[in-house]
């Protein structure tokens, strides 16, 4: 009938407008089959999971057995990746918590002896001035506190709380993080039982120290890059049992003092045995993690490097020259090194985020005391000046954001040990490193001349440490591209599925429902239902931002197609939008929980969330304006950046004539 024909035409028109065109949607469906395959969640059913072992664990092999025994079937839906497709994981809207008072007390009691040890035996200013590796008496004290065994004996939440405490000295925190969260974690994730039994006791006691080797002179630390970015090679010998490693790893934390190195290398089959189409041979040509020991022939370590900050840590280079390792030293499956590294780096970023939180809390305490008593002449204290109040409020907001996301990920890591939280950990790395540097800068500004004129105060050292630690992981730009790249792939796979369902639907009503799901993505989550009624306004605004972000991602995807990852400025904006939305959801969930259960700080938390929401809304509006599909159609966005950069590089420096120059003609 005419009515049915009209409905069909209207439905098709609406879908075309919402998806740019059907042939573009079909492109998305056909071309993203491989993307969906590469981006699927890791199947850990046959691999060890990360679970909590008892506090009395004394060896890594015992912890490994506990992890295997407690592996569950739980699965976590995408969190930050879901935002790219307009989906909000309900696990984000309800902030998790420990189940009993005993668990809370156990977490806090974990840090009590550590705090006492730091107060009595750690002089960070002296360690920084001497710029030598941690002295033996200090290392012995850390061993007595069992701080080299936290990867196997503590939950993720307890490890995060401990990292807060360890941040009192950045060098100690980095040393223990590189050992526990990176090196030992990689062994727990992928080592064979015999290897764990042989090395577990020595690593757990701190007698031997582990290091994680990822960064290379050319490839950097971008573990999401293709195989060609990994220059360190592992070639299978003709006997098929041993591997020969060659290459160099740089900026390896603990390298000068480590006894066990986890090395990521590109594996190649021997020339005498060409690669076939079999799955086992294909795995040999991927990225694989190996355990290399210091006393093996061909292993050499460069001198200890002293940088801008974290001057008591041991950072250096690892050189491998025809180092022979057996199949028993392979961590995980052949060709699956990226999955192992992704899980290990996630644990390291959660620990780094917690350390940034601890450092920020400590700095706020230092500067707050000074602002209360410091006066200029007969004027009021600094704490009464609006500009000073703004700095203090901003520091508190950054700390609250980093703390909320850190412990959200720690809880999720404990509840879903098999989940891939690397996108969320990337967001945490971006916001925590930025917060640490900004916070240290604000503290130095509030301290005035004391921050640079006297070594009696820690402000200058804290700023150097924050700048150094911000560069330990991948650069922020690299992390943004990795995060937005995975998010766009996920959004494309969801769009392809919607297009397939639309084309397969037989009834007009089914097609209409599918179109409605696409067009109102991100605007029907009803977040206010999950949170305290005081956050209703923020929840409604957040839903609008999620919908706008989803449409912007879809528009960029259909406009640029497979070239979207090459548009780095757009990908940067996409990543920043996703981080702002994700962190704001975490903060709202935490504030709602605090208000609902009546925590002492509930009211100030509501003020913090209100402030953070206003700031995030401004950033989101600016970034979404740069992602506007109409703007992309009308003119090439950000073209002036390229012209200025090209001219500067061509000139070899600052290309503008001096301010006092003139044309005499």
Foldseek 3Di string as FASTA:
>chain_A
DVVQVVLVVVLQVLLCVLQVHLVLLLCLQVVLPVVCVVLPADDCLPWFFQAADALPDQWLLVLLVVRNVPDDDDEFDDDLLVLLQLDHGVLLQAFDDDDDPVVVVVLVVLCVVVLVCCVPPNDQLVLFVVLAADDPVVLVVCLVSQLLQCLRHHALLSLLSNLLSQLVHLLSSLQSLQFRLFFSLLCSGFADSVVRVVCTNCRSSVVAGEWEFAAAPQLGNLLPDFQVSFPWEWEQDPVRWKTWTFGKTFFIWCQVRHFKYWDKHAFDYDPVDHQDPDPQSVLRRAIWIFIDGCPFPQKDWDAFDADLASSNTGGTMIGGDRGMDGPNRTTHGRRCVSVSNLSSVLSSLLSVLSSLLSLLVVLLVVLVVQQCPDDDPPDHGNCPDPVLVVLSLVSVLLSLLSVLLSVSVSVCCNVNRSGRCSLSSLLSLLSSLVSQLSSLVSSLVSVPPVLPPDSVDCSVNSNSSSVVVNVSHPHNLSSLLVNLVSSLSSSSNVSSVLSVQLVPDDDSVSSSVSSVCNQQRLQPPCSCVSFDVVCNVLSNVLSVLSNLLNSLSSLLCSVCPPCSSVPSVLSNLNSLSSSLSSSLSSLRSVLRVCVVVPPPCNVVSSVSSVVSSVVSVVSSVVSSVQSDNVVVVPDPPPVVVVVCVVQQVVVVHPDDDDPPDDDPD
